[in-house]
mmCIF file of all heavy atoms, coordinates in Angstrom:
data_MODEL
# 
_entry.id   MODEL 
# 
loop_
_atom_site.group_PDB 
_atom_site.id 
_atom_site.type_symbol 
_atom_site.label_atom_id 
_atom_site.label_alt_id 
_atom_site.label_comp_id 
_atom_site.label_asym_id 
_atom_site.label_entity_id 
_atom_site.label_seq_id 
_atom_site.pdbx_PDB_ins_code 
_atom_site.Cartn_x 
_atom_site.Cartn_y 
_atom_site.Cartn_z 
_atom_site.occupancy 
_atom_site.B_iso_or_equiv 
_atom_site.pdbx_formal_charge 
_atom_site.auth_seq_id 
_atom_site.auth_comp_id 
_atom_site.auth_asym_id 
_atom_site.auth_atom_id 
_atom_site.pdbx_PDB_model_num 
ATOM 1   N N   . ALA A 1 1  ? 130.156 233.366 148.196 1.00 0.00 ? 1  ALA A N   1 
ATOM 2   C CA  . ALA A 1 1  ? 128.795 233.365 147.664 1.00 0.00 ? 1  ALA A CA  1 
ATOM 3   C C   . ALA A 1 1  ? 128.716 232.375 146.509 1.00 0.00 ? 1  ALA A C   1 
ATOM 4   O O   . ALA A 1 1  ? 129.539 232.432 145.580 1.00 0.00 ? 1  ALA A O   1 
ATOM 5   C CB  . ALA A 1 1  ? 128.407 234.763 147.194 1.00 0.00 ? 1  ALA A CB  1 
ATOM 6   N N   . PRO A 1 2  ? 127.766 231.462 146.535 1.00 0.00 ? 2  PRO A N   1 
ATOM 7   C CA  . PRO A 1 2  ? 127.675 230.443 145.482 1.00 0.00 ? 2  PRO A CA  1 
ATOM 8   C C   . PRO A 1 2  ? 127.246 231.042 144.152 1.00 0.00 ? 2  PRO A C   1 
ATOM 9   O O   . PRO A 1 2  ? 126.548 232.052 144.094 1.00 0.00 ? 2  PRO A O   1 
ATOM 10  C CB  . PRO A 1 2  ? 126.620 229.477 146.023 1.00 0.00 ? 2  PRO A CB  1 
ATOM 11  C CG  . PRO A 1 2  ? 125.776 230.299 146.949 1.00 0.00 ? 2  PRO A CG  1 
ATOM 12  C CD  . PRO A 1 2  ? 126.721 231.301 147.559 1.00 0.00 ? 2  PRO A CD  1 
ATOM 13  N N   . GLY A 1 3  ? 127.702 230.396 143.082 1.00 0.00 ? 3  GLY A N   1 
ATOM 14  C CA  . GLY A 1 3  ? 127.266 230.790 141.747 1.00 0.00 ? 3  GLY A CA  1 
ATOM 15  C C   . GLY A 1 3  ? 127.976 231.987 141.174 1.00 0.00 ? 3  GLY A C   1 
ATOM 16  O O   . GLY A 1 3  ? 127.595 232.473 140.107 1.00 0.00 ? 3  GLY A O   1 
ATOM 17  N N   . LYS A 1 4  ? 129.013 232.494 141.843 1.00 0.00 ? 4  LYS A N   1 
ATOM 18  C CA  . LYS A 1 4  ? 129.739 233.666 141.368 1.00 0.00 ? 4  LYS A CA  1 
ATOM 19  C C   . LYS A 1 4  ? 131.155 233.273 140.961 1.00 0.00 ? 4  LYS A C   1 
ATOM 20  O O   . LYS A 1 4  ? 131.804 232.470 141.631 1.00 0.00 ? 4  LYS A O   1 
ATOM 21  C CB  . LYS A 1 4  ? 129.829 234.739 142.464 1.00 0.00 ? 4  LYS A CB  1 
ATOM 22  C CG  . LYS A 1 4  ? 128.514 235.382 142.853 1.00 0.00 ? 4  LYS A CG  1 
ATOM 23  C CD  . LYS A 1 4  ? 128.765 236.702 143.603 1.00 0.00 ? 4  LYS A CD  1 
ATOM 24  C CE  . LYS A 1 4  ? 129.198 237.783 142.630 1.00 0.00 ? 4  LYS A CE  1 
ATOM 25  N NZ  . LYS A 1 4  ? 129.555 239.038 143.311 1.00 0.00 ? 4  LYS A NZ  1 
ATOM 26  N N   . ASP A 1 5  ? 131.633 233.896 139.884 1.00 0.00 ? 5  ASP A N   1 
ATOM 27  C CA  . ASP A 1 5  ? 133.009 233.671 139.459 1.00 0.00 ? 5  ASP A CA  1 
ATOM 28  C C   . ASP A 1 5  ? 133.989 234.605 140.161 1.00 0.00 ? 5  ASP A C   1 
ATOM 29  O O   . ASP A 1 5  ? 135.168 234.266 140.314 1.00 0.00 ? 5  ASP A O   1 
ATOM 30  C CB  . ASP A 1 5  ? 133.142 233.868 137.946 1.00 0.00 ? 5  ASP A CB  1 
ATOM 31  C CG  . ASP A 1 5  ? 132.511 232.741 137.152 1.00 0.00 ? 5  ASP A CG  1 
ATOM 32  O OD1 . ASP A 1 5  ? 132.348 231.641 137.714 1.00 0.00 ? 5  ASP A OD1 1 
ATOM 33  O OD2 . ASP A 1 5  ? 132.180 232.963 135.977 1.00 0.00 ? 5  ASP A OD2 1 
ATOM 34  N N   . ILE A 1 6  ? 133.533 235.797 140.514 1.00 0.00 ? 6  ILE A N   1 
ATOM 35  C CA  . ILE A 1 6  ? 134.418 236.832 141.059 1.00 0.00 ? 6  ILE A CA  1 
ATOM 36  C C   . ILE A 1 6  ? 133.963 237.194 142.467 1.00 0.00 ? 6  ILE A C   1 
ATOM 37  O O   . ILE A 1 6  ? 132.783 237.497 142.685 1.00 0.00 ? 6  ILE A O   1 
ATOM 38  C CB  . ILE A 1 6  ? 134.412 238.099 140.173 1.00 0.00 ? 6  ILE A CB  1 
ATOM 39  C CG1 . ILE A 1 6  ? 134.728 237.736 138.710 1.00 0.00 ? 6  ILE A CG1 1 
ATOM 40  C CG2 . ILE A 1 6  ? 135.409 239.127 140.707 1.00 0.00 ? 6  ILE A CG2 1 
ATOM 41  C CD1 . ILE A 1 6  ? 136.107 237.188 138.469 1.00 0.00 ? 6  ILE A CD1 1 
ATOM 42  N N   . HIS A 1 7  ? 134.901 237.193 143.404 1.00 0.00 ? 7  HIS A N   1 
ATOM 43  C CA  . HIS A 1 7  ? 134.623 237.574 144.793 1.00 0.00 ? 7  HIS A CA  1 
ATOM 44  C C   . HIS A 1 7  ? 135.662 238.597 145.238 1.00 0.00 ? 7  HIS A C   1 
ATOM 45  O O   . HIS A 1 7  ? 136.860 238.408 145.012 1.00 0.00 ? 7  HIS A O   1 
ATOM 46  C CB  . HIS A 1 7  ? 134.699 236.353 145.724 1.00 0.00 ? 7  HIS A CB  1 
ATOM 47  C CG  . HIS A 1 7  ? 133.715 235.272 145.395 1.00 0.00 ? 7  HIS A CG  1 
ATOM 48  N ND1 . HIS A 1 7  ? 133.924 234.357 144.390 1.00 0.00 ? 7  HIS A ND1 1 
ATOM 49  C CD2 . HIS A 1 7  ? 132.510 234.968 145.953 1.00 0.00 ? 7  HIS A CD2 1 
ATOM 50  C CE1 . HIS A 1 7  ? 132.888 233.530 144.326 1.00 0.00 ? 7  HIS A CE1 1 
ATOM 51  N NE2 . HIS A 1 7  ? 132.025 233.869 145.266 1.00 0.00 ? 7  HIS A NE2 1 
ATOM 52  N N   . TYR A 1 8  ? 135.182 239.655 145.891 1.00 0.00 ? 8  TYR A N   1 
ATOM 53  C CA  . TYR A 1 8  ? 136.084 240.705 146.381 1.00 0.00 ? 8  TYR A CA  1 
ATOM 54  C C   . TYR A 1 8  ? 135.974 240.801 147.903 1.00 0.00 ? 8  TYR A C   1 
ATOM 55  O O   . TYR A 1 8  ? 134.873 240.862 148.457 1.00 0.00 ? 8  TYR A O   1 
ATOM 56  C CB  . TYR A 1 8  ? 135.696 242.070 145.806 1.00 0.00 ? 8  TYR A CB  1 
ATOM 57  C CG  . TYR A 1 8  ? 136.124 242.300 144.381 1.00 0.00 ? 8  TYR A CG  1 
ATOM 58  C CD1 . TYR A 1 8  ? 135.224 242.152 143.339 1.00 0.00 ? 8  TYR A CD1 1 
ATOM 59  C CD2 . TYR A 1 8  ? 137.426 242.692 144.084 1.00 0.00 ? 8  TYR A CD2 1 
ATOM 60  C CE1 . TYR A 1 8  ? 135.608 242.381 142.025 1.00 0.00 ? 8  TYR A CE1 1 
ATOM 61  C CE2 . TYR A 1 8  ? 137.817 242.924 142.774 1.00 0.00 ? 8  TYR A CE2 1 
ATOM 62  C CZ  . TYR A 1 8  ? 136.914 242.769 141.755 1.00 0.00 ? 8  TYR A CZ  1 
ATOM 63  O OH  . TYR A 1 8  ? 137.295 242.983 140.451 1.00 0.00 ? 8  TYR A OH  1 
ATOM 64  N N   . ARG A 1 9  ? 137.145 240.843 148.553 1.00 0.00 ? 9  ARG A N   1 
ATOM 65  C CA  . ARG A 1 9  ? 137.147 241.208 149.964 1.00 0.00 ? 9  ARG A CA  1 
ATOM 66  C C   . ARG A 1 9  ? 138.491 241.847 150.318 1.00 0.00 ? 9  ARG A C   1 
ATOM 67  O O   . ARG A 1 9  ? 139.531 241.479 149.769 1.00 0.00 ? 9  ARG A O   1 
ATOM 68  C CB  . ARG A 1 9  ? 136.864 240.015 150.871 1.00 0.00 ? 9  ARG A CB  1 
ATOM 69  C CG  . ARG A 1 9  ? 137.878 238.900 150.871 1.00 0.00 ? 9  ARG A CG  1 
ATOM 70  C CD  . ARG A 1 9  ? 137.514 237.859 151.912 1.00 0.00 ? 9  ARG A CD  1 
ATOM 71  N NE  . ARG A 1 9  ? 138.167 236.574 151.679 1.00 0.00 ? 9  ARG A NE  1 
ATOM 72  C CZ  . ARG A 1 9  ? 137.883 235.476 152.381 1.00 0.00 ? 9  ARG A CZ  1 
ATOM 73  N NH1 . ARG A 1 9  ? 136.963 235.516 153.333 1.00 0.00 ? 9  ARG A NH1 1 
ATOM 74  N NH2 . ARG A 1 9  ? 138.508 234.341 152.130 1.00 0.00 ? 9  ARG A NH2 1 
ATOM 75  N N   . MET A 1 10 ? 138.429 242.807 151.205 1.00 0.00 ? 10 MET A N   1 
ATOM 76  C CA  . MET A 1 10 ? 139.606 243.434 151.790 1.00 0.00 ? 10 MET A CA  1 
ATOM 77  C C   . MET A 1 10 ? 139.664 243.040 153.249 1.00 0.00 ? 10 MET A C   1 
ATOM 78  O O   . MET A 1 10 ? 138.639 243.032 153.937 1.00 0.00 ? 10 MET A O   1 
ATOM 79  C CB  . MET A 1 10 ? 139.523 244.956 151.661 1.00 0.00 ? 10 MET A CB  1 
ATOM 80  C CG  . MET A 1 10 ? 140.706 245.687 152.275 1.00 0.00 ? 10 MET A CG  1 
ATOM 81  S SD  . MET A 1 10 ? 140.603 247.497 152.123 1.00 0.00 ? 10 MET A SD  1 
ATOM 82  C CE  . MET A 1 10 ? 139.383 247.857 153.391 1.00 0.00 ? 10 MET A CE  1 
ATOM 83  N N   . HIS A 1 11 ? 140.849 242.723 153.748 1.00 0.00 ? 11 HIS A N   1 
ATOM 84  C CA  . HIS A 1 11 ? 140.977 242.355 155.157 1.00 0.00 ? 11 HIS A CA  1 
ATOM 85  C C   . HIS A 1 11 ? 140.655 243.565 156.033 1.00 0.00 ? 11 HIS A C   1 
ATOM 86  O O   . HIS A 1 11 ? 141.092 244.691 155.733 1.00 0.00 ? 11 HIS A O   1 
ATOM 87  C CB  . HIS A 1 11 ? 142.391 241.855 155.445 1.00 0.00 ? 11 HIS A CB  1 
ATOM 88  C CG  . HIS A 1 11 ? 142.490 241.127 156.741 1.00 0.00 ? 11 HIS A CG  1 
ATOM 89  N ND1 . HIS A 1 11 ? 142.543 241.783 157.955 1.00 0.00 ? 11 HIS A ND1 1 
ATOM 90  C CD2 . HIS A 1 11 ? 142.530 239.804 157.020 1.00 0.00 ? 11 HIS A CD2 1 
ATOM 91  C CE1 . HIS A 1 11 ? 142.615 240.898 158.924 1.00 0.00 ? 11 HIS A CE1 1 
ATOM 92  N NE2 . HIS A 1 11 ? 142.605 239.679 158.385 1.00 0.00 ? 11 HIS A NE2 1 
ATOM 93  N N   . PRO A 1 12 ? 139.893 243.390 157.105 1.00 0.00 ? 12 PRO A N   1 
ATOM 94  C CA  . PRO A 1 12 ? 139.549 244.535 157.957 1.00 0.00 ? 12 PRO A CA  1 
ATOM 95  C C   . PRO A 1 12 ? 140.762 245.283 158.500 1.00 0.00 ? 12 PRO A C   1 
ATOM 96  O O   . PRO A 1 12 ? 140.679 246.497 158.759 1.00 0.00 ? 12 PRO A O   1 
ATOM 97  C CB  . PRO A 1 12 ? 138.737 243.897 159.091 1.00 0.00 ? 12 PRO A CB  1 
ATOM 98  C CG  . PRO A 1 12 ? 138.163 242.660 158.493 1.00 0.00 ? 12 PRO A CG  1 
ATOM 99  C CD  . PRO A 1 12 ? 139.199 242.161 157.535 1.00 0.00 ? 12 PRO A CD  1 
ATOM 100 N N   . ALA A 1 13 ? 141.890 244.607 158.660 1.00 0.00 ? 13 ALA A N   1 
ATOM 101 C CA  . ALA A 1 13 ? 143.096 245.280 159.153 1.00 0.00 ? 13 ALA A CA  1 
ATOM 102 C C   . ALA A 1 13 ? 143.637 246.293 158.151 1.00 0.00 ? 13 ALA A C   1 
ATOM 103 O O   . ALA A 1 13 ? 144.491 247.113 158.501 1.00 0.00 ? 13 ALA A O   1 
ATOM 104 C CB  . ALA A 1 13 ? 144.171 244.255 159.494 1.00 0.00 ? 13 ALA A CB  1 
ATOM 105 N N   . ASN A 1 14 ? 143.135 246.267 156.908 1.00 0.00 ? 14 ASN A N   1 
ATOM 106 C CA  . ASN A 1 14 ? 143.550 247.241 155.889 1.00 0.00 ? 14 ASN A CA  1 
ATOM 107 C C   . ASN A 1 14 ? 142.576 248.404 155.772 1.00 0.00 ? 14 ASN A C   1 
ATOM 108 O O   . ASN A 1 14 ? 142.633 249.164 154.798 1.00 0.00 ? 14 ASN A O   1 
ATOM 109 C CB  . ASN A 1 14 ? 143.687 246.559 154.529 1.00 0.00 ? 14 ASN A CB  1 
ATOM 110 C CG  . ASN A 1 14 ? 144.931 245.707 154.436 1.00 0.00 ? 14 ASN A CG  1 
ATOM 111 O OD1 . ASN A 1 14 ? 145.965 246.043 155.028 1.00 0.00 ? 14 ASN A OD1 1 
ATOM 112 N ND2 . ASN A 1 14 ? 144.854 244.610 153.703 1.00 0.00 ? 14 ASN A ND2 1 
ATOM 113 N N   . LEU A 1 15 ? 141.704 248.571 156.751 1.00 0.00 ? 15 LEU A N   1 
ATOM 114 C CA  . LEU A 1 15 ? 140.706 249.637 156.659 1.00 0.00 ? 15 LEU A CA  1 
ATOM 115 C C   . LEU A 1 15 ? 141.339 251.013 156.512 1.00 0.00 ? 15 LEU A C   1 
ATOM 116 O O   . LEU A 1 15 ? 140.715 251.926 155.957 1.00 0.00 ? 15 LEU A O   1 
ATOM 117 C CB  . LEU A 1 15 ? 139.800 249.625 157.893 1.00 0.00 ? 15 LEU A CB  1 
ATOM 118 C CG  . LEU A 1 15 ? 138.661 250.647 157.804 1.00 0.00 ? 15 LEU A CG  1 
ATOM 119 C CD1 . LEU A 1 15 ? 137.638 250.197 156.781 1.00 0.00 ? 15 LEU A CD1 1 
ATOM 120 C CD2 . LEU A 1 15 ? 138.012 250.881 159.151 1.00 0.00 ? 15 LEU A CD2 1 
ATOM 121 N N   . ALA A 1 16 ? 142.570 251.187 156.958 1.00 0.00 ? 16 ALA A N   1 
ATOM 122 C CA  . ALA A 1 16 ? 143.232 252.491 156.821 1.00 0.00 ? 16 ALA A CA  1 
ATOM 123 C C   . ALA A 1 16 ? 143.293 252.943 155.367 1.00 0.00 ? 16 ALA A C   1 
ATOM 124 O O   . ALA A 1 16 ? 143.401 254.136 155.090 1.00 0.00 ? 16 ALA A O   1 
ATOM 125 C CB  . ALA A 1 16 ? 144.637 252.428 157.410 1.00 0.00 ? 16 ALA A CB  1 
ATOM 126 N N   . CYS A 1 17 ? 143.188 252.008 154.428 1.00 0.00 ? 17 CYS A N   1 
ATOM 127 C CA  . CYS A 1 17 ? 143.145 252.381 153.012 1.00 0.00 ? 17 CYS A CA  1 
ATOM 128 C C   . CYS A 1 17 ? 141.929 253.243 152.709 1.00 0.00 ? 17 CYS A C   1 
ATOM 129 O O   . CYS A 1 17 ? 142.001 254.180 151.917 1.00 0.00 ? 17 CYS A O   1 
ATOM 130 C CB  . CYS A 1 17 ? 143.149 251.128 152.145 1.00 0.00 ? 17 CYS A CB  1 
ATOM 131 S SG  . CYS A 1 17 ? 143.006 251.440 150.378 1.00 0.00 ? 17 CYS A SG  1 
ATOM 132 N N   . LEU A 1 18 ? 140.793 252.926 153.336 1.00 0.00 ? 18 LEU A N   1 
ATOM 133 C CA  . LEU A 1 18 ? 139.592 253.735 153.146 1.00 0.00 ? 18 LEU A CA  1 
ATOM 134 C C   . LEU A 1 18 ? 139.617 254.977 154.021 1.00 0.00 ? 18 LEU A C   1 
ATOM 135 O O   . LEU A 1 18 ? 139.221 256.061 153.591 1.00 0.00 ? 18 LEU A O   1 
ATOM 136 C CB  . LEU A 1 18 ? 138.354 252.889 153.436 1.00 0.00 ? 18 LEU A CB  1 
ATOM 137 C CG  . LEU A 1 18 ? 138.157 251.656 152.544 1.00 0.00 ? 18 LEU A CG  1 
ATOM 138 C CD1 . LEU A 1 18 ? 136.919 250.882 152.967 1.00 0.00 ? 18 LEU A CD1 1 
ATOM 139 C CD2 . LEU A 1 18 ? 138.066 252.049 151.077 1.00 0.00 ? 18 LEU A CD2 1 
ATOM 140 N N   . SER A 1 19 ? 140.082 254.834 155.249 1.00 0.00 ? 19 SER A N   1 
ATOM 141 C CA  . SER A 1 19 ? 140.145 255.988 156.153 1.00 0.00 ? 19 SER A CA  1 
ATOM 142 C C   . SER A 1 19 ? 141.051 257.075 155.595 1.00 0.00 ? 19 SER A C   1 
ATOM 143 O O   . SER A 1 19 ? 140.829 258.263 155.850 1.00 0.00 ? 19 SER A O   1 
ATOM 144 C CB  . SER A 1 19 ? 140.643 255.554 157.529 1.00 0.00 ? 19 SER A CB  1 
ATOM 145 O OG  . SER A 1 19 ? 139.790 254.593 158.106 1.00 0.00 ? 19 SER A OG  1 
ATOM 146 N N   . ALA A 1 20 ? 142.068 256.689 154.823 1.00 0.00 ? 20 ALA A N   1 
ATOM 147 C CA  . ALA A 1 20 ? 143.002 257.668 154.282 1.00 0.00 ? 20 ALA A CA  1 
ATOM 148 C C   . ALA A 1 20 ? 142.310 258.702 153.407 1.00 0.00 ? 20 ALA A C   1 
ATOM 149 O O   . ALA A 1 20 ? 142.768 259.842 153.299 1.00 0.00 ? 20 ALA A O   1 
ATOM 150 C CB  . ALA A 1 20 ? 144.094 256.957 153.480 1.00 0.00 ? 20 ALA A CB  1 
ATOM 151 N N   . ALA A 1 21 ? 141.200 258.304 152.780 1.00 0.00 ? 21 ALA A N   1 
ATOM 152 C CA  . ALA A 1 21 ? 140.473 259.222 151.898 1.00 0.00 ? 21 ALA A CA  1 
ATOM 153 C C   . ALA A 1 21 ? 139.435 260.052 152.637 1.00 0.00 ? 21 ALA A C   1 
ATOM 154 O O   . ALA A 1 21 ? 138.730 260.849 152.022 1.00 0.00 ? 21 ALA A O   1 
ATOM 155 C CB  . ALA A 1 21 ? 139.801 258.445 150.772 1.00 0.00 ? 21 ALA A CB  1 
ATOM 156 N N   . ARG A 1 22 ? 139.326 259.862 153.946 1.00 0.00 ? 22 ARG A N   1 
ATOM 157 C CA  . ARG A 1 22 ? 138.386 260.601 154.793 1.00 0.00 ? 22 ARG A CA  1 
ATOM 158 C C   . ARG A 1 22 ? 136.965 260.547 154.206 1.00 0.00 ? 22 ARG A C   1 
ATOM 159 O O   . ARG A 1 22 ? 136.286 261.558 154.049 1.00 0.00 ? 22 ARG A O   1 
ATOM 160 C CB  . ARG A 1 22 ? 138.840 262.053 154.998 1.00 0.00 ? 22 ARG A CB  1 
ATOM 161 C CG  . ARG A 1 22 ? 140.241 262.145 155.566 1.00 0.00 ? 22 ARG A CG  1 
ATOM 162 C CD  . ARG A 1 22 ? 140.496 263.464 156.280 1.00 0.00 ? 22 ARG A CD  1 
ATOM 163 N NE  . ARG A 1 22 ? 140.195 264.623 155.479 1.00 0.00 ? 22 ARG A NE  1 
ATOM 164 C CZ  . ARG A 1 22 ? 141.019 265.145 154.569 1.00 0.00 ? 22 ARG A CZ  1 
ATOM 165 N NH1 . ARG A 1 22 ? 142.198 264.584 154.342 1.00 0.00 ? 22 ARG A NH1 1 
ATOM 166 N NH2 . ARG A 1 22 ? 140.681 266.217 153.888 1.00 0.00 ? 22 ARG A NH2 1 
ATOM 167 N N   . LEU A 1 23 ? 136.542 259.323 153.909 1.00 0.00 ? 23 LEU A N   1 
ATOM 168 C CA  . LEU A 1 23 ? 135.219 259.124 153.319 1.00 0.00 ? 23 LEU A CA  1 
ATOM 169 C C   . LEU A 1 23 ? 134.141 259.394 154.360 1.00 0.00 ? 23 LEU A C   1 
ATOM 170 O O   . LEU A 1 23 ? 134.256 259.008 155.520 1.00 0.00 ? 23 LEU A O   1 
ATOM 171 C CB  . LEU A 1 23 ? 135.084 257.695 152.800 1.00 0.00 ? 23 LEU A CB  1 
ATOM 172 C CG  . LEU A 1 23 ? 136.102 257.281 151.732 1.00 0.00 ? 23 LEU A CG  1 
ATOM 173 C CD1 . LEU A 1 23 ? 135.932 255.803 151.398 1.00 0.00 ? 23 LEU A CD1 1 
ATOM 174 C CD2 . LEU A 1 23 ? 135.958 258.132 150.476 1.00 0.00 ? 23 LEU A CD2 1 
ATOM 175 N N   . ASP A 1 24 ? 133.063 260.013 153.920 1.00 0.00 ? 24 ASP A N   1 
ATOM 176 C CA  . ASP A 1 24 ? 131.908 260.236 154.786 1.00 0.00 ? 24 ASP A CA  1 
ATOM 177 C C   . ASP A 1 24 ? 130.891 259.113 154.656 1.00 0.00 ? 24 ASP A C   1 
ATOM 178 O O   . ASP A 1 24 ? 130.283 258.702 155.650 1.00 0.00 ? 24 ASP A O   1 
ATOM 179 C CB  . ASP A 1 24 ? 131.243 261.574 154.440 1.00 0.00 ? 24 ASP A CB  1 
ATOM 180 C CG  . ASP A 1 24 ? 132.120 262.751 154.793 1.00 0.00 ? 24 ASP A CG  1 
ATOM 181 O OD1 . ASP A 1 24 ? 132.282 263.033 155.992 1.00 0.00 ? 24 ASP A OD1 1 
ATOM 182 O OD2 . ASP A 1 24 ? 132.656 263.391 153.860 1.00 0.00 ? 24 ASP A OD2 1 
ATOM 183 N N   . VAL A 1 25 ? 130.677 258.629 153.414 1.00 0.00 ? 25 VAL A N   1 
ATOM 184 C CA  . VAL A 1 25 ? 129.649 257.607 153.172 1.00 0.00 ? 25 VAL A CA  1 
ATOM 185 C C   . VAL A 1 25 ? 130.160 256.605 152.147 1.00 0.00 ? 25 VAL A C   1 
ATOM 186 O O   . VAL A 1 25 ? 130.748 256.985 151.130 1.00 0.00 ? 25 VAL A O   1 
ATOM 187 C CB  . VAL A 1 25 ? 128.335 258.219 152.644 1.00 0.00 ? 25 VAL A CB  1 
ATOM 188 C CG1 . VAL A 1 25 ? 127.265 257.136 152.524 1.00 0.00 ? 25 VAL A CG1 1 
ATOM 189 C CG2 . VAL A 1 25 ? 127.846 259.357 153.513 1.00 0.00 ? 25 VAL A CG2 1 
ATOM 190 N N   . CYS A 1 26 ? 129.894 255.333 152.408 1.00 0.00 ? 26 CYS A N   1 
ATOM 191 C CA  . CYS A 1 26 ? 130.077 254.276 151.413 1.00 0.00 ? 26 CYS A CA  1 
ATOM 192 C C   . CYS A 1 26 ? 128.707 253.740 151.025 1.00 0.00 ? 26 CYS A C   1 
ATOM 193 O O   . CYS A 1 26 ? 127.975 253.222 151.876 1.00 0.00 ? 26 CYS A O   1 
ATOM 194 C CB  . CYS A 1 26 ? 130.930 253.141 151.952 1.00 0.00 ? 26 CYS A CB  1 
ATOM 195 S SG  . CYS A 1 26 ? 132.687 253.535 152.094 1.00 0.00 ? 26 CYS A SG  1 
# 
């Protein structure tokens, strides 16, 4: 995204990091 100093992304193959917490909603 232009004009930003900080960019965050997680690789989709690491989705198990979120699934581990059994999240219902993000």
